[in-house]
PDB file of N, CA and C in Angstrom:
ATOM      1  N   UNK A   1       6.155   1.405 -18.487  1.00  0.00           N
ATOM      2  CA  UNK A   1       5.617   0.094 -18.613  1.00  0.00           C
ATOM      3  C   UNK A   1       6.786  -1.033 -18.785  1.00  0.00           C
ATOM      4  N   UNK A   2       6.578  -1.943 -18.002  1.00  0.00           N
ATOM      5  CA  UNK A   2       7.378  -3.148 -17.952  1.00  0.00           C
ATOM      6  C   UNK A   2       7.602  -3.857 -19.331  1.00  0.00           C
ATOM      7  N   UNK A   3       8.725  -4.503 -19.596  1.00  0.00           N
ATOM      8  CA  UNK A   3       8.822  -5.170 -20.863  1.00  0.00           C
ATOM      9  C   UNK A   3       7.998  -6.632 -20.711  1.00  0.00           C
ATOM     10  N   UNK A   4       7.673  -7.036 -21.835  1.00  0.00           N
ATOM     11  CA  UNK A   4       6.747  -8.353 -21.966  1.00  0.00           C
ATOM     12  C   UNK A   4       7.486  -9.244 -21.229  1.00  0.00           C
ATOM     13  N   UNK A   5       8.851  -9.478 -21.239  1.00  0.00           N
ATOM     14  CA  UNK A   5       9.661 -10.455 -20.734  1.00  0.00           C
ATOM     15  C   UNK A   5       9.476 -10.472 -19.246  1.00  0.00           C
ATOM     16  N   UNK A   6       9.441  -9.334 -18.695  1.00  0.00           N
ATOM     17  CA  UNK A   6       9.345  -9.336 -17.199  1.00  0.00           C
ATOM     18  C   UNK A   6       8.022  -9.624 -16.769  1.00  0.00           C
ATOM     19  N   UNK A   7       6.962  -9.298 -17.437  1.00  0.00           N
ATOM     20  CA  UNK A   7       5.646  -9.694 -17.253  1.00  0.00           C
ATOM     21  C   UNK A   7       5.489 -11.426 -17.288  1.00  0.00           C
ATOM     22  N   UNK A   8       6.173 -11.823 -18.389  1.00  0.00           N
ATOM     23  CA  UNK A   8       6.137 -13.334 -18.798  1.00  0.00           C
ATOM     24  C   UNK A   8       6.825 -14.119 -17.535  1.00  0.00           C
ATOM     25  N   UNK A   9       7.877 -13.618 -17.132  1.00  0.00           N
ATOM     26  CA  UNK A   9       8.685 -14.223 -16.067  1.00  0.00           C
ATOM     27  C   UNK A   9       7.998 -14.137 -14.577  1.00  0.00           C
ATOM     28  N   UNK A  10       7.166 -13.024 -14.387  1.00  0.00           N
ATOM     29  CA  UNK A  10       6.470 -12.952 -13.294  1.00  0.00           C
ATOM     30  C   UNK A  10       5.336 -14.187 -13.247  1.00  0.00           C
ATOM     31  N   UNK A  11       4.704 -14.161 -14.374  1.00  0.00           N
ATOM     32  CA  UNK A  11       3.495 -15.088 -14.590  1.00  0.00           C
ATOM     33  C   UNK A  11       4.163 -16.525 -14.322  1.00  0.00           C
ATOM     34  N   UNK A  12       5.240 -16.738 -14.907  1.00  0.00           N
ATOM     35  CA  UNK A  12       5.850 -18.137 -14.759  1.00  0.00           C
ATOM     36  C   UNK A  12       6.231 -18.370 -13.358  1.00  0.00           C
ATOM     37  N   UNK A  13       6.732 -17.480 -12.649  1.00  0.00           N
ATOM     38  CA  UNK A  13       7.020 -17.645 -11.223  1.00  0.00           C
ATOM     39  C   UNK A  13       5.723 -18.066 -10.377  1.00  0.00           C
ATOM     40  N   UNK A  14       4.609 -17.113 -10.553  1.00  0.00           N
ATOM     41  CA  UNK A  14       3.432 -17.524  -9.923  1.00  0.00           C
ATOM     42  C   UNK A  14       2.899 -18.859 -10.141  1.00  0.00           C
ATOM     43  N   UNK A  15       2.960 -19.316 -11.396  1.00  0.00           N
ATOM     44  CA  UNK A  15       2.506 -20.674 -11.678  1.00  0.00           C
ATOM     45  C   UNK A  15       3.488 -21.797 -10.858  1.00  0.00           C
ATOM     46  N   UNK A  16       4.738 -21.604 -10.738  1.00  0.00           N
ATOM     47  CA  UNK A  16       5.598 -22.462 -10.102  1.00  0.00           C
ATOM     48  C   UNK A  16       5.301 -22.408  -8.629  1.00  0.00           C
ATOM     49  N   UNK A  17       4.928 -21.225  -8.152  1.00  0.00           N
ATOM     50  CA  UNK A  17       4.770 -21.220  -6.582  1.00  0.00           C
ATOM     51  C   UNK A  17       3.417 -22.027  -6.318  1.00  0.00           C
ATOM     52  N   UNK A  18       2.429 -21.862  -7.404  1.00  0.00           N
ATOM     53  CA  UNK A  18       1.164 -22.533  -7.144  1.00  0.00           C
ATOM     54  C   UNK A  18       1.445 -23.915  -7.019  1.00  0.00           C
ATOM     55  N   UNK A  19       2.214 -24.499  -8.094  1.00  0.00           N
ATOM     56  CA  UNK A  19       2.438 -25.857  -8.466  1.00  0.00           C
ATOM     57  C   UNK A  19       3.099 -26.543  -7.175  1.00  0.00           C
ATOM     58  N   UNK A  20       4.156 -25.884  -6.598  1.00  0.00           N
ATOM     59  CA  UNK A  20       4.844 -26.551  -5.441  1.00  0.00           C
ATOM     60  C   UNK A  20       4.293 -26.099  -4.051  1.00  0.00           C
ATOM     61  N   UNK A  21       3.350 -25.352  -3.994  1.00  0.00           N
ATOM     62  CA  UNK A  21       2.933 -24.867  -2.656  1.00  0.00           C
ATOM     63  C   UNK A  21       2.625 -25.938  -1.702  1.00  0.00           C
ATOM     64  N   UNK A  22       1.901 -26.992  -2.128  1.00  0.00           N
ATOM     65  CA  UNK A  22       1.568 -28.167  -1.088  1.00  0.00           C
ATOM     66  C   UNK A  22       2.879 -28.963  -0.799  1.00  0.00           C
ATOM     67  N   UNK A  23       3.710 -29.204  -1.788  1.00  0.00           N
ATOM     68  CA  UNK A  23       4.816 -29.932  -1.600  1.00  0.00           C
ATOM     69  C   UNK A  23       5.800 -29.176  -0.567  1.00  0.00           C
ATOM     70  N   UNK A  24       5.976 -27.921  -0.824  1.00  0.00           N
ATOM     71  CA  UNK A  24       6.881 -27.098   0.147  1.00  0.00           C
ATOM     72  C   UNK A  24       6.191 -27.134   1.509  1.00  0.00           C
ATOM     73  N   UNK A  25       4.941 -26.985   1.684  1.00  0.00           N
ATOM     74  CA  UNK A  25       4.342 -27.083   3.035  1.00  0.00           C
ATOM     75  C   UNK A  25       4.627 -28.258   3.685  1.00  0.00           C
ATOM     76  N   UNK A  26       4.470 -29.479   2.950  1.00  0.00           N
ATOM     77  CA  UNK A  26       4.719 -30.834   3.486  1.00  0.00           C
ATOM     78  C   UNK A  26       6.104 -31.003   3.996  1.00  0.00           C
ATOM     79  N   UNK A  27       6.934 -30.518   3.236  1.00  0.00           N
ATOM     80  CA  UNK A  27       8.360 -30.689   3.381  1.00  0.00           C
ATOM     81  C   UNK A  27       8.820 -29.937   4.678  1.00  0.00           C
ATOM     82  N   UNK A  28       8.265 -28.646   4.750  1.00  0.00           N
ATOM     83  CA  UNK A  28       8.608 -27.759   5.798  1.00  0.00           C
ATOM     84  C   UNK A  28       8.032 -28.424   7.154  1.00  0.00           C
ATOM     85  N   UNK A  29       6.829 -28.819   7.095  1.00  0.00           N
ATOM     86  CA  UNK A  29       6.153 -29.648   8.277  1.00  0.00           C
ATOM     87  C   UNK A  29       7.227 -30.851   8.621  1.00  0.00           C
ATOM     88  N   UNK A  30       7.736 -31.561   7.722  1.00  0.00           N
ATOM     89  CA  UNK A  30       8.551 -32.691   8.072  1.00  0.00           C
ATOM     90  C   UNK A  30       9.913 -32.323   8.540  1.00  0.00           C
ATOM     91  N   UNK A  31      10.325 -31.028   8.192  1.00  0.00           N
ATOM     92  CA  UNK A  31      11.689 -30.589   8.518  1.00  0.00           C
ATOM     93  C   UNK A  31      12.693 -31.069   7.641  1.00  0.00           C
ATOM     94  N   UNK A  32      12.239 -31.382   6.443  1.00  0.00           N
ATOM     95  CA  UNK A  32      13.335 -32.080   5.452  1.00  0.00           C
ATOM     96  C   UNK A  32      13.732 -30.906   4.593  1.00  0.00           C
ATOM     97  N   UNK A  33      14.636 -30.049   5.113  1.00  0.00           N
ATOM     98  CA  UNK A  33      15.135 -28.929   4.425  1.00  0.00           C
ATOM     99  C   UNK A  33      16.154 -29.304   3.154  1.00  0.00           C
ATOM    100  N   UNK A  34      16.636 -30.574   3.222  1.00  0.00           N
ATOM    101  CA  UNK A  34      17.448 -31.019   2.133  1.00  0.00           C
ATOM    102  C   UNK A  34      16.813 -31.038   0.848  1.00  0.00           C
ATOM    103  N   UNK A  35      15.505 -31.786   1.029  1.00  0.00           N
ATOM    104  CA  UNK A  35      14.569 -31.820  -0.146  1.00  0.00           C
ATOM    105  C   UNK A  35      14.067 -30.662  -0.637  1.00  0.00           C
ATOM    106  N   UNK A  36      13.736 -29.793   0.391  1.00  0.00           N
ATOM    107  CA  UNK A  36      13.190 -28.462   0.171  1.00  0.00           C
ATOM    108  C   UNK A  36      14.186 -27.666  -0.801  1.00  0.00           C
ATOM    109  N   UNK A  37      15.499 -27.836  -0.374  1.00  0.00           N
ATOM    110  CA  UNK A  37      16.448 -27.020  -1.192  1.00  0.00           C
ATOM    111  C   UNK A  37      16.610 -27.551  -2.630  1.00  0.00           C
ATOM    112  N   UNK A  38      16.199 -28.765  -2.907  1.00  0.00           N
ATOM    113  CA  UNK A  38      16.359 -29.395  -4.249  1.00  0.00           C
ATOM    114  C   UNK A  38      15.053 -28.777  -5.171  1.00  0.00           C
ATOM    115  N   UNK A  39      14.014 -28.135  -4.584  1.00  0.00           N
ATOM    116  CA  UNK A  39      13.020 -27.615  -5.380  1.00  0.00           C
ATOM    117  C   UNK A  39      13.576 -26.492  -6.179  1.00  0.00           C
ATOM    118  N   UNK A  40      12.794 -26.156  -7.321  1.00  0.00           N
ATOM    119  CA  UNK A  40      13.217 -24.843  -8.145  1.00  0.00           C
ATOM    120  C   UNK A  40      13.365 -23.609  -7.209  1.00  0.00           C
ATOM    121  N   UNK A  41      14.229 -22.711  -7.509  1.00  0.00           N
ATOM    122  CA  UNK A  41      14.448 -21.409  -6.655  1.00  0.00           C
ATOM    123  C   UNK A  41      13.088 -20.542  -6.811  1.00  0.00           C
ATOM    124  N   UNK A  42      12.591 -20.553  -8.076  1.00  0.00           N
ATOM    125  CA  UNK A  42      11.340 -19.835  -8.413  1.00  0.00           C
ATOM    126  C   UNK A  42      10.157 -20.295  -7.802  1.00  0.00           C
ATOM    127  N   UNK A  43      10.093 -21.517  -6.956  1.00  0.00           N
ATOM    128  CA  UNK A  43       9.040 -22.003  -6.439  1.00  0.00           C
ATOM    129  C   UNK A  43       8.783 -21.353  -5.084  1.00  0.00           C
ATOM    130  N   UNK A  44       9.777 -20.724  -4.710  1.00  0.00           N
ATOM    131  CA  UNK A  44       9.521 -19.943  -3.316  1.00  0.00           C
ATOM    132  C   UNK A  44       8.699 -18.739  -3.507  1.00  0.00           C
ATOM    133  N   UNK A  45       7.764 -18.433  -2.687  1.00  0.00           N
ATOM    134  CA  UNK A  45       6.839 -17.464  -2.731  1.00  0.00           C
ATOM    135  C   UNK A  45       7.605 -16.104  -2.324  1.00  0.00           C
ATOM    136  N   UNK A  46       8.795 -16.261  -1.854  1.00  0.00           N
ATOM    137  CA  UNK A  46       9.559 -15.062  -1.330  1.00  0.00           C
ATOM    138  C   UNK A  46      10.097 -14.264  -2.671  1.00  0.00           C
ATOM    139  N   UNK A  47      10.282 -14.952  -3.780  1.00  0.00           N
ATOM    140  CA  UNK A  47      10.838 -14.559  -5.030  1.00  0.00           C
ATOM    141  C   UNK A  47       9.703 -13.814  -5.727  1.00  0.00           C
ATOM    142  N   UNK A  48       8.456 -13.769  -5.403  1.00  0.00           N
ATOM    143  CA  UNK A  48       7.364 -13.041  -6.259  1.00  0.00           C
ATOM    144  C   UNK A  48       7.601 -11.530  -5.770  1.00  0.00           C
ATOM    145  N   UNK A  49       6.964 -10.790  -6.818  1.00  0.00           N
ATOM    146  CA  UNK A  49       6.988  -9.337  -6.677  1.00  0.00           C
ATOM    147  C   UNK A  49       5.480  -8.761  -7.051  1.00  0.00           C
ATOM    148  N   UNK A  50       4.969  -8.055  -6.209  1.00  0.00           N
ATOM    149  CA  UNK A  50       3.616  -7.666  -6.758  1.00  0.00           C
ATOM    150  C   UNK A  50       3.916  -6.637  -7.736  1.00  0.00           C
ATOM    151  N   UNK A  51       3.128  -6.819  -8.767  1.00  0.00           N
ATOM    152  CA  UNK A  51       3.237  -6.112 -10.147  1.00  0.00           C
ATOM    153  C   UNK A  51       1.811  -5.704 -10.492  1.00  0.00           C
ATOM    154  N   UNK A  52       1.609  -4.589 -11.249  1.00  0.00           N
ATOM    155  CA  UNK A  52       0.489  -3.991 -11.798  1.00  0.00           C
ATOM    156  C   UNK A  52      -0.201  -5.046 -12.683  1.00  0.00           C
ATOM    157  N   UNK A  53      -1.201  -5.380 -12.765  1.00  0.00           N
ATOM    158  CA  UNK A  53      -1.693  -6.346 -13.709  1.00  0.00           C
ATOM    159  C   UNK A  53      -1.884  -5.704 -15.168  1.00  0.00           C
ATOM    160  N   UNK A  54      -2.040  -4.369 -15.249  1.00  0.00           N
ATOM    161  CA  UNK A  54      -2.222  -3.751 -16.531  1.00  0.00           C
ATOM    162  C   UNK A  54      -0.782  -3.445 -17.252  1.00  0.00           C
ATOM    163  N   UNK A  55       0.061  -2.909 -16.526  1.00  0.00           N
ATOM    164  CA  UNK A  55       1.468  -2.376 -17.012  1.00  0.00           C
ATOM    165  C   UNK A  55       2.603  -3.144 -16.625  1.00  0.00           C
ATOM    166  N   UNK A  56       2.606  -3.836 -15.417  1.00  0.00           N
ATOM    167  CA  UNK A  56       3.673  -4.709 -15.057  1.00  0.00           C
ATOM    168  C   UNK A  56       4.581  -3.947 -14.207  1.00  0.00           C
ATOM    169  N   UNK A  57       4.188  -2.566 -13.813  1.00  0.00           N
ATOM    170  CA  UNK A  57       4.910  -1.871 -12.951  1.00  0.00           C
ATOM    171  C   UNK A  57       5.098  -2.501 -11.604  1.00  0.00           C
ATOM    172  N   UNK A  58       6.227  -2.461 -11.075  1.00  0.00           N
ATOM    173  CA  UNK A  58       6.715  -3.060  -9.767  1.00  0.00           C
ATOM    174  C   UNK A  58       6.606  -2.278  -8.707  1.00  0.00           C
ATOM    175  N   UNK A  59       6.659  -0.905  -8.873  1.00  0.00           N
ATOM    176  CA  UNK A  59       6.571   0.058  -7.785  1.00  0.00           C
ATOM    177  C   UNK A  59       5.279   0.774  -7.545  1.00  0.00           C
ATOM    178  N   UNK A  60       4.902   1.270  -6.554  1.00  0.00           N
ATOM    179  CA  UNK A  60       3.623   1.879  -6.351  1.00  0.00           C
ATOM    180  C   UNK A  60       2.305   1.032  -6.650  1.00  0.00           C
ATOM    181  N   UNK A  61       2.518  -0.030  -6.154  1.00  0.00           N
ATOM    182  CA  UNK A  61       1.573  -1.262  -6.433  1.00  0.00           C
ATOM    183  C   UNK A  61       0.389  -0.907  -5.282  1.00  0.00           C
ATOM    184  N   UNK A  62      -0.890  -0.904  -5.569  1.00  0.00           N
ATOM    185  CA  UNK A  62      -1.955  -0.762  -4.575  1.00  0.00           C
ATOM    186  C   UNK A  62      -2.751  -2.391  -4.531  1.00  0.00           C
ATOM    187  N   UNK A  63      -2.409  -2.910  -3.423  1.00  0.00           N
ATOM    188  CA  UNK A  63      -2.719  -4.268  -3.345  1.00  0.00           C
ATOM    189  C   UNK A  63      -4.082  -4.501  -3.536  1.00  0.00           C
ATOM    190  N   UNK A  64      -5.040  -3.776  -2.890  1.00  0.00           N
ATOM    191  CA  UNK A  64      -6.565  -3.889  -2.884  1.00  0.00           C
ATOM    192  C   UNK A  64      -6.976  -3.906  -4.219  1.00  0.00           C
ATOM    193  N   UNK A  65      -6.383  -3.160  -5.116  1.00  0.00           N
ATOM    194  CA  UNK A  65      -6.937  -3.009  -6.579  1.00  0.00           C
ATOM    195  C   UNK A  65      -6.132  -3.766  -7.553  1.00  0.00           C
ATOM    196  N   UNK A  66      -4.802  -4.326  -7.205  1.00  0.00           N
ATOM    197  CA  UNK A  66      -3.986  -5.049  -7.932  1.00  0.00           C
ATOM    198  C   UNK A  66      -3.467  -4.308  -9.236  1.00  0.00           C
ATOM    199  N   UNK A  67      -3.349  -2.948  -9.063  1.00  0.00           N
ATOM    200  CA  UNK A  67      -2.874  -2.162 -10.085  1.00  0.00           C
ATOM    201  C   UNK A  67      -1.862  -1.127  -9.650  1.00  0.00           C
ATOM    202  N   UNK A  68      -1.124  -0.559 -10.212  1.00  0.00           N
ATOM    203  CA  UNK A  68      -0.103   0.682  -9.893  1.00  0.00           C
ATOM    204  C   UNK A  68      -0.845   1.767  -9.584  1.00  0.00           C
ATOM    205  N   UNK A  69      -0.221   2.806  -8.924  1.00  0.00           N
ATOM    206  CA  UNK A  69      -0.852   3.996  -8.473  1.00  0.00           C
ATOM    207  C   UNK A  69      -1.238   4.729  -9.660  1.00  0.00           C
ATOM    208  N   UNK A  70      -0.412   4.740 -10.887  1.00  0.00           N
ATOM    209  CA  UNK A  70      -0.644   5.453 -12.122  1.00  0.00           C
ATOM    210  C   UNK A  70      -1.987   5.075 -12.734  1.00  0.00           C
ATOM    211  N   UNK A  71      -2.142   3.619 -12.769  1.00  0.00           N
ATOM    212  CA  UNK A  71      -3.269   3.045 -13.494  1.00  0.00           C
ATOM    213  C   UNK A  71      -4.548   3.411 -12.434  1.00  0.00           C
ATOM    214  N   UNK A  72      -4.419   3.258 -11.187  1.00  0.00           N
ATOM    215  CA  UNK A  72      -5.434   3.512 -10.158  1.00  0.00           C
ATOM    216  C   UNK A  72      -5.940   4.952 -10.297  1.00  0.00           C
ATOM    217  N   UNK A  73      -5.035   5.957 -10.553  1.00  0.00           N
ATOM    218  CA  UNK A  73      -5.366   7.361 -10.607  1.00  0.00           C
ATOM    219  C   UNK A  73      -6.194   7.584 -11.903  1.00  0.00           C
ATOM    220  N   UNK A  74      -5.716   6.998 -13.007  1.00  0.00           N
ATOM    221  CA  UNK A  74      -6.428   7.055 -14.263  1.00  0.00           C
ATOM    222  C   UNK A  74      -7.861   6.584 -14.162  1.00  0.00           C
ATOM    223  N   UNK A  75      -7.974   5.294 -13.684  1.00  0.00           N
ATOM    224  CA  UNK A  75      -9.296   4.770 -13.428  1.00  0.00           C
ATOM    225  C   UNK A  75     -10.313   5.484 -12.644  1.00  0.00           C
ATOM    226  N   UNK A  76      -9.587   5.987 -11.530  1.00  0.00           N
ATOM    227  CA  UNK A  76     -10.532   6.692 -10.647  1.00  0.00           C
ATOM    228  C   UNK A  76     -10.873   8.084 -11.196  1.00  0.00           C
ATOM    229  N   UNK A  77     -10.232   8.689 -12.031  1.00  0.00           N
ATOM    230  CA  UNK A  77     -10.647   9.914 -12.656  1.00  0.00           C
ATOM    231  C   UNK A  77     -11.665   9.761 -13.910  1.00  0.00           C
ATOM    232  N   UNK A  78     -11.465   8.437 -14.361  1.00  0.00           N
ATOM    233  CA  UNK A  78     -12.569   8.167 -15.386  1.00  0.00           C
ATOM    234  C   UNK A  78     -13.826   7.626 -14.855  1.00  0.00           C
ATOM    235  N   UNK A  79     -13.894   7.453 -13.520  1.00  0.00           N
ATOM    236  CA  UNK A  79     -15.030   6.809 -12.807  1.00  0.00           C
ATOM    237  C   UNK A  79     -15.194   5.503 -12.891  1.00  0.00           C
ATOM    238  N   UNK A  80     -14.087   4.470 -13.273  1.00  0.00           N
ATOM    239  CA  UNK A  80     -14.301   3.106 -13.406  1.00  0.00           C
ATOM    240  C   UNK A  80     -13.952   2.262 -12.274  1.00  0.00           C
ATOM    241  N   UNK A  81     -13.872   3.103 -11.177  1.00  0.00           N
ATOM    242  CA  UNK A  81     -13.633   2.301  -9.744  1.00  0.00           C
ATOM    243  C   UNK A  81     -14.854   2.615  -8.893  1.00  0.00           C
ATOM    244  N   UNK A  82     -15.843   1.696  -8.700  1.00  0.00           N
ATOM    245  CA  UNK A  82     -17.021   2.201  -7.756  1.00  0.00           C
ATOM    246  C   UNK A  82     -16.488   2.458  -6.493  1.00  0.00           C
ATOM    247  N   UNK A  83     -17.104   3.412  -6.050  1.00  0.00           N
ATOM    248  CA  UNK A  83     -16.889   3.793  -4.502  1.00  0.00           C
ATOM    249  C   UNK A  83     -15.708   4.658  -4.285  1.00  0.00           C
ATOM    250  N   UNK A  84     -14.911   4.990  -5.471  1.00  0.00           N
ATOM    251  CA  UNK A  84     -13.594   5.743  -5.277  1.00  0.00           C
ATOM    252  C   UNK A  84     -13.895   7.055  -5.937  1.00  0.00           C
ATOM    253  N   UNK A  85     -13.531   8.156  -5.503  1.00  0.00           N
ATOM    254  CA  UNK A  85     -13.605   9.477  -5.887  1.00  0.00           C
ATOM    255  C   UNK A  85     -12.490  10.310  -5.559  1.00  0.00           C
ATOM    256  N   UNK A  86     -12.199  11.502  -6.323  1.00  0.00           N
ATOM    257  CA  UNK A  86     -11.088  12.348  -5.859  1.00  0.00           C
ATOM    258  C   UNK A  86     -11.613  13.147  -4.727  1.00  0.00           C
ATOM    259  N   UNK A  87     -10.559  13.174  -3.831  1.00  0.00           N
ATOM    260  CA  UNK A  87     -10.889  14.153  -2.688  1.00  0.00           C
ATOM    261  C   UNK A  87     -10.894  15.696  -3.028  1.00  0.00           C
ATOM    262  N   UNK A  88     -11.855  16.284  -2.387  1.00  0.00           N
ATOM    263  CA  UNK A  88     -11.917  17.817  -2.654  1.00  0.00           C
ATOM    264  C   UNK A  88     -12.338  18.368  -1.375  1.00  0.00           C
ATOM    265  N   UNK A  89     -11.581  19.496  -0.841  1.00  0.00           N
ATOM    266  CA  UNK A  89     -11.960  20.218   0.282  1.00  0.00           C
ATOM    267  C   UNK A  89     -11.714  21.711   0.058  1.00  0.00           C
TER     268      UNK A  89
END
């Protein structure tokens, strides 16, 4: 499980990306890279990392469900994910 500080940093970055998204798009369209460079570094969507919404784990992320593989497996075993069941053959 990730530290609370890592999860908080991720949330803060996501808010900054949303806040500056329109401005970044306008500056890129104009080709004004000097002004684009003056925006905060964390406003760039490249700096985001997909993290599990429950644990904050950065690896083994399943995009469709928004959680890590560990949480996904737990939820699937408990039957909390509709339409998902363990394979058996």
